[in-house]
Amino acid sequence: MTDAPNRDRFIQFRKTDIIAMCCDDSRMDAEDVAEFREFCRILGALFHFEFHGGLETLKNCYAPFSPDADTRPLSEYLPEHKEQLQKELVAEMTAVLNSANFEKITAADLEQALAEEWLFKIRLELVTREGNVVQCRPLSEAKRRLDYIWDNYFTFNSN
């Protein structure tokens, strides 16, 4: 996978801790602290409101594709409308994942992972590879493998 060049995107403190650290700054008097706390409450409410709007957009864009929908549409979605909703859904999800500091995995990342065969060096040996095809072992074989590992985990008996 790629190195994380954006490590500075992560703040190692909770929001309330950052506010407390700011309020503990000796350069602010009691009135400044009260005003700063009010500012933080308003800012938090603004972000909450914006997040809620984004969530509603995600739900509306996903609605025609949800296999578990409990609601009925007022009318059938036209193919071009579904295509537009799909594009909006991808754009919104991309924005959410970017905000959450997720990094995109490229095809090259996946090829590199397979070339290093990290998946197949797992000591449990529950998957096999034939060429470019990766498969899980049959369940009965996987259970036998786990049983073998379990039975040989402690080898204190030398008989």
C-alpha atoms as a PDB file:
ATOM      1  CA  MET A   1       0.000   0.000   0.000  1.00  0.00           C
ATOM      2  CA  THR A   2       1.065   3.587  -0.235  1.00  0.00           C
ATOM      3  CA  ASP A   3       2.896   5.455   2.501  1.00  0.00           C
ATOM      4  CA  ALA A   4       0.678   7.850   4.410  1.00  0.00           C
ATOM      5  CA  PRO A   5       1.983  11.298   3.397  1.00  0.00           C
ATOM      6  CA  ASN A   6      -0.984  12.991   5.072  1.00  0.00           C
ATOM      7  CA  ARG A   7      -0.366  11.860   8.638  1.00  0.00           C
ATOM      8  CA  ASP A   8      -0.865  15.471   9.678  1.00  0.00           C
ATOM      9  CA  ARG A   9      -4.570  15.065   8.857  1.00  0.00           C
ATOM     10  CA  PHE A  10      -5.048  13.225  12.157  1.00  0.00           C
ATOM     11  CA  ILE A  11      -5.532  15.161  15.379  1.00  0.00           C
ATOM     12  CA  GLN A  12      -4.600  13.071  18.387  1.00  0.00           C
ATOM     13  CA  PHE A  13      -7.011  14.740  20.794  1.00  0.00           C
ATOM     14  CA  ARG A  14     -10.773  14.710  21.179  1.00  0.00           C
ATOM     15  CA  LYS A  15     -12.660  17.911  20.420  1.00  0.00           C
ATOM     16  CA  THR A  16     -13.499  18.510  24.094  1.00  0.00           C
ATOM     17  CA  ASP A  17      -9.838  18.095  25.058  1.00  0.00           C
ATOM     18  CA  ILE A  18      -8.738  20.668  22.480  1.00  0.00           C
ATOM     19  CA  ILE A  19     -11.362  23.109  23.724  1.00  0.00           C
ATOM     20  CA  ALA A  20     -10.214  22.513  27.315  1.00  0.00           C
ATOM     21  CA  MET A  21      -6.570  23.097  26.360  1.00  0.00           C
ATOM     22  CA  CYS A  22      -7.521  26.365  24.672  1.00  0.00           C
ATOM     23  CA  CYS A  23      -9.606  27.461  27.651  1.00  0.00           C
ATOM     24  CA  ASP A  24      -6.743  26.653  30.044  1.00  0.00           C
ATOM     25  CA  ASP A  25      -4.522  29.106  28.161  1.00  0.00           C
ATOM     26  CA  SER A  26      -3.634  31.838  30.625  1.00  0.00           C
ATOM     27  CA  ARG A  27      -4.018  34.537  27.951  1.00  0.00           C
ATOM     28  CA  MET A  28      -7.824  34.209  28.057  1.00  0.00           C
ATOM     29  CA  ASP A  29      -9.837  35.722  30.871  1.00  0.00           C
ATOM     30  CA  ALA A  30     -13.173  34.277  32.055  1.00  0.00           C
ATOM     31  CA  GLU A  31     -15.161  36.355  29.562  1.00  0.00           C
ATOM     32  CA  ASP A  32     -12.941  35.206  26.664  1.00  0.00           C
ATOM     33  CA  VAL A  33     -13.306  31.575  27.764  1.00  0.00           C
ATOM     34  CA  ALA A  34     -17.108  31.868  27.858  1.00  0.00           C
ATOM     35  CA  GLU A  35     -17.157  33.497  24.421  1.00  0.00           C
ATOM     36  CA  PHE A  36     -14.785  30.844  23.036  1.00  0.00           C
ATOM     37  CA  ARG A  37     -16.943  28.007  24.416  1.00  0.00           C
ATOM     38  CA  GLU A  38     -20.025  29.593  22.784  1.00  0.00           C
ATOM     39  CA  PHE A  39     -18.107  29.870  19.516  1.00  0.00           C
ATOM     40  CA  CYS A  40     -17.218  26.148  19.764  1.00  0.00           C
ATOM     41  CA  ARG A  41     -20.864  25.210  20.412  1.00  0.00           C
ATOM     42  CA  ILE A  42     -22.016  27.185  17.360  1.00  0.00           C
ATOM     43  CA  LEU A  43     -19.231  25.738  15.207  1.00  0.00           C
ATOM     44  CA  GLY A  44     -20.126  22.221  16.348  1.00  0.00           C
ATOM     45  CA  ALA A  45     -23.801  22.812  15.571  1.00  0.00           C
ATOM     46  CA  LEU A  46     -22.886  24.112  12.113  1.00  0.00           C
ATOM     47  CA  PHE A  47     -20.786  21.031  11.354  1.00  0.00           C
ATOM     48  CA  HIS A  48     -23.540  18.779  12.696  1.00  0.00           C
ATOM     49  CA  PHE A  49     -26.090  20.492  10.443  1.00  0.00           C
ATOM     50  CA  GLU A  50     -23.833  20.149   7.403  1.00  0.00           C
ATOM     51  CA  PHE A  51     -23.113  16.494   8.223  1.00  0.00           C
ATOM     52  CA  HIS A  52     -26.835  15.799   8.539  1.00  0.00           C
ATOM     53  CA  GLY A  53     -27.413  17.360   5.102  1.00  0.00           C
ATOM     54  CA  GLY A  54     -24.693  15.176   3.594  1.00  0.00           C
ATOM     55  CA  LEU A  55     -26.188  12.097   5.237  1.00  0.00           C
ATOM     56  CA  GLU A  56     -29.607  12.874   3.770  1.00  0.00           C
ATOM     57  CA  THR A  57     -28.014  13.293   0.340  1.00  0.00           C
ATOM     58  CA  LEU A  58     -26.315   9.900   0.691  1.00  0.00           C
ATOM     59  CA  LYS A  59     -29.586   8.245   1.708  1.00  0.00           C
ATOM     60  CA  ASN A  60     -31.490   9.825  -1.176  1.00  0.00           C
ATOM     61  CA  CYS A  61     -28.834   8.853  -3.729  1.00  0.00           C
ATOM     62  CA  TYR A  62     -28.665   5.279  -2.410  1.00  0.00           C
ATOM     63  CA  ALA A  63     -32.431   4.745  -2.247  1.00  0.00           C
ATOM     64  CA  PRO A  64     -32.934   3.356  -5.779  1.00  0.00           C
ATOM     65  CA  PHE A  65     -30.107   0.853  -5.286  1.00  0.00           C
ATOM     66  CA  SER A  66     -30.901  -0.410  -1.798  1.00  0.00           C
ATOM     67  CA  PRO A  67     -31.818  -4.105  -1.827  1.00  0.00           C
ATOM     68  CA  ASP A  68     -33.236  -3.763   1.702  1.00  0.00           C
ATOM     69  CA  ALA A  69     -35.422  -0.701   1.210  1.00  0.00           C
ATOM     70  CA  ASP A  70     -38.419  -0.580   3.517  1.00  0.00           C
ATOM     71  CA  THR A  71     -39.950   2.359   1.677  1.00  0.00           C
ATOM     72  CA  ARG A  72     -41.636   2.554  -1.686  1.00  0.00           C
ATOM     73  CA  PRO A  73     -40.722   5.115  -4.333  1.00  0.00           C
ATOM     74  CA  LEU A  74     -43.430   7.485  -5.511  1.00  0.00           C
ATOM     75  CA  SER A  75     -42.580   6.492  -9.080  1.00  0.00           C
ATOM     76  CA  GLU A  76     -40.084   4.335 -10.936  1.00  0.00           C
ATOM     77  CA  TYR A  77     -36.649   5.829 -11.439  1.00  0.00           C
ATOM     78  CA  LEU A  78     -35.766   6.586 -15.028  1.00  0.00           C
ATOM     79  CA  PRO A  79     -32.429   5.054 -16.116  1.00  0.00           C
ATOM     80  CA  GLU A  80     -30.836   8.478 -16.607  1.00  0.00           C
ATOM     81  CA  HIS A  81     -32.027   9.581 -13.136  1.00  0.00           C
ATOM     82  CA  LYS A  82     -30.546   6.429 -11.559  1.00  0.00           C
ATOM     83  CA  GLU A  83     -27.279   7.072 -13.379  1.00  0.00           C
ATOM     84  CA  GLN A  84     -27.173  10.635 -12.028  1.00  0.00           C
ATOM     85  CA  LEU A  85     -27.959   9.427  -8.491  1.00  0.00           C
ATOM     86  CA  GLN A  86     -25.199   6.838  -8.767  1.00  0.00           C
ATOM     87  CA  LYS A  87     -22.674   9.537  -9.752  1.00  0.00           C
ATOM     88  CA  GLU A  88     -23.801  11.724  -6.838  1.00  0.00           C
ATOM     89  CA  LEU A  89     -23.583   8.753  -4.465  1.00  0.00           C
ATOM     90  CA  VAL A  90     -20.013   8.022  -5.529  1.00  0.00           C
ATOM     91  CA  ALA A  91     -19.051  11.700  -5.202  1.00  0.00           C
ATOM     92  CA  GLU A  92     -20.626  11.977  -1.727  1.00  0.00           C
ATOM     93  CA  MET A  93     -19.074   8.712  -0.503  1.00  0.00           C
ATOM     94  CA  THR A  94     -15.690   9.813  -1.855  1.00  0.00           C
ATOM     95  CA  ALA A  95     -15.999  13.063   0.092  1.00  0.00           C
ATOM     96  CA  VAL A  96     -16.967  11.208   3.289  1.00  0.00           C
ATOM     97  CA  LEU A  97     -14.103   8.733   2.959  1.00  0.00           C
ATOM     98  CA  ASN A  98     -11.642  11.523   2.195  1.00  0.00           C
ATOM     99  CA  SER A  99     -12.830  13.425   5.272  1.00  0.00           C
ATOM    100  CA  ALA A 100     -12.310  10.264   7.313  1.00  0.00           C
ATOM    101  CA  ASN A 101      -8.712  10.026   6.016  1.00  0.00           C
ATOM    102  CA  PHE A 102      -9.247   6.865   3.995  1.00  0.00           C
ATOM    103  CA  GLU A 103      -6.667   6.336   1.279  1.00  0.00           C
ATOM    104  CA  LYS A 104      -7.614   4.972  -2.119  1.00  0.00           C
ATOM    105  CA  ILE A 105      -6.169   1.554  -2.929  1.00  0.00           C
ATOM    106  CA  THR A 106      -5.009   1.449  -6.518  1.00  0.00           C
ATOM    107  CA  ALA A 107      -4.745  -1.513  -8.858  1.00  0.00           C
ATOM    108  CA  ALA A 108      -0.970  -1.218  -8.475  1.00  0.00           C
ATOM    109  CA  ASP A 109      -1.345  -1.518  -4.683  1.00  0.00           C
ATOM    110  CA  LEU A 110      -3.337  -4.732  -5.110  1.00  0.00           C
ATOM    111  CA  GLU A 111      -0.872  -6.158  -7.634  1.00  0.00           C
ATOM    112  CA  GLN A 112       2.000  -5.367  -5.282  1.00  0.00           C
ATOM    113  CA  ALA A 113       0.216  -7.115  -2.422  1.00  0.00           C
ATOM    114  CA  LEU A 114      -0.338 -10.227  -4.557  1.00  0.00           C
ATOM    115  CA  ALA A 115       3.231 -10.136  -5.892  1.00  0.00           C
ATOM    116  CA  GLU A 116       4.511 -10.184  -2.281  1.00  0.00           C
ATOM    117  CA  GLU A 117       2.052 -13.062  -1.708  1.00  0.00           C
ATOM    118  CA  TRP A 118       1.245 -11.688   1.754  1.00  0.00           C
ATOM    119  CA  LEU A 119      -2.158 -13.368   1.599  1.00  0.00           C
ATOM    120  CA  PHE A 120      -0.626 -16.790   1.083  1.00  0.00           C
ATOM    121  CA  LYS A 121       2.047 -16.541   3.748  1.00  0.00           C
ATOM    122  CA  ILE A 122      -0.608 -16.474   6.452  1.00  0.00           C
ATOM    123  CA  ARG A 123       0.212 -19.372   8.727  1.00  0.00           C
ATOM    124  CA  LEU A 124      -3.378 -20.625   8.799  1.00  0.00           C
ATOM    125  CA  GLU A 125      -3.212 -21.533   5.085  1.00  0.00           C
ATOM    126  CA  LEU A 126      -6.950 -21.143   4.587  1.00  0.00           C
ATOM    127  CA  VAL A 127      -6.649 -19.862   1.013  1.00  0.00           C
ATOM    128  CA  THR A 128      -5.043 -21.222  -2.129  1.00  0.00           C
ATOM    129  CA  ARG A 129      -3.782 -19.588  -5.288  1.00  0.00           C
ATOM    130  CA  GLU A 130      -3.700 -20.989  -8.798  1.00  0.00           C
ATOM    131  CA  GLY A 131      -2.280 -18.369 -11.134  1.00  0.00           C
ATOM    132  CA  ASN A 132      -4.295 -15.195 -10.569  1.00  0.00           C
ATOM    133  CA  VAL A 133      -7.192 -17.026  -8.931  1.00  0.00           C
ATOM    134  CA  VAL A 134      -7.442 -16.884  -5.144  1.00  0.00           C
ATOM    135  CA  GLN A 135      -9.845 -19.280  -3.449  1.00  0.00           C
ATOM    136  CA  CYS A 136     -10.862 -20.159   0.056  1.00  0.00           C
ATOM    137  CA  ARG A 137     -10.255 -23.782   0.933  1.00  0.00           C
ATOM    138  CA  PRO A 138     -13.424 -25.891   1.250  1.00  0.00           C
ATOM    139  CA  LEU A 139     -14.983 -25.478   4.673  1.00  0.00           C
ATOM    140  CA  SER A 140     -14.293 -29.095   5.733  1.00  0.00           C
ATOM    141  CA  GLU A 141     -10.617 -28.721   4.741  1.00  0.00           C
ATOM    142  CA  ALA A 142     -10.371 -25.346   6.492  1.00  0.00           C
ATOM    143  CA  LYS A 143     -11.858 -26.850   9.660  1.00  0.00           C
ATOM    144  CA  ARG A 144      -9.345 -29.737   9.507  1.00  0.00           C
ATOM    145  CA  ARG A 145      -6.522 -27.208   9.112  1.00  0.00           C
ATOM    146  CA  LEU A 146      -7.724 -25.204  12.131  1.00  0.00           C
ATOM    147  CA  ASP A 147      -8.113 -28.412  14.155  1.00  0.00           C
ATOM    148  CA  TYR A 148      -4.548 -29.424  13.240  1.00  0.00           C
ATOM    149  CA  ILE A 149      -3.214 -26.026  14.313  1.00  0.00           C
ATOM    150  CA  TRP A 150      -5.199 -26.196  17.552  1.00  0.00           C
ATOM    151  CA  ASP A 151      -4.053 -29.749  18.342  1.00  0.00           C
ATOM    152  CA  ASN A 152      -0.419 -28.757  17.800  1.00  0.00           C
ATOM    153  CA  TYR A 153      -0.511 -25.413  19.523  1.00  0.00           C
ATOM    154  CA  PHE A 154       0.844 -26.822  22.788  1.00  0.00           C
ATOM    155  CA  THR A 155       3.484 -29.485  22.292  1.00  0.00           C
ATOM    156  CA  PHE A 156       4.460 -30.157  25.896  1.00  0.00           C
ATOM    157  CA  ASN A 157       3.869 -33.926  25.670  1.00  0.00           C
ATOM    158  CA  SER A 158       6.953 -35.525  24.106  1.00  0.00           C
ATOM    159  CA  ASN A 159       5.427 -39.024  23.761  1.00  0.00           C
END
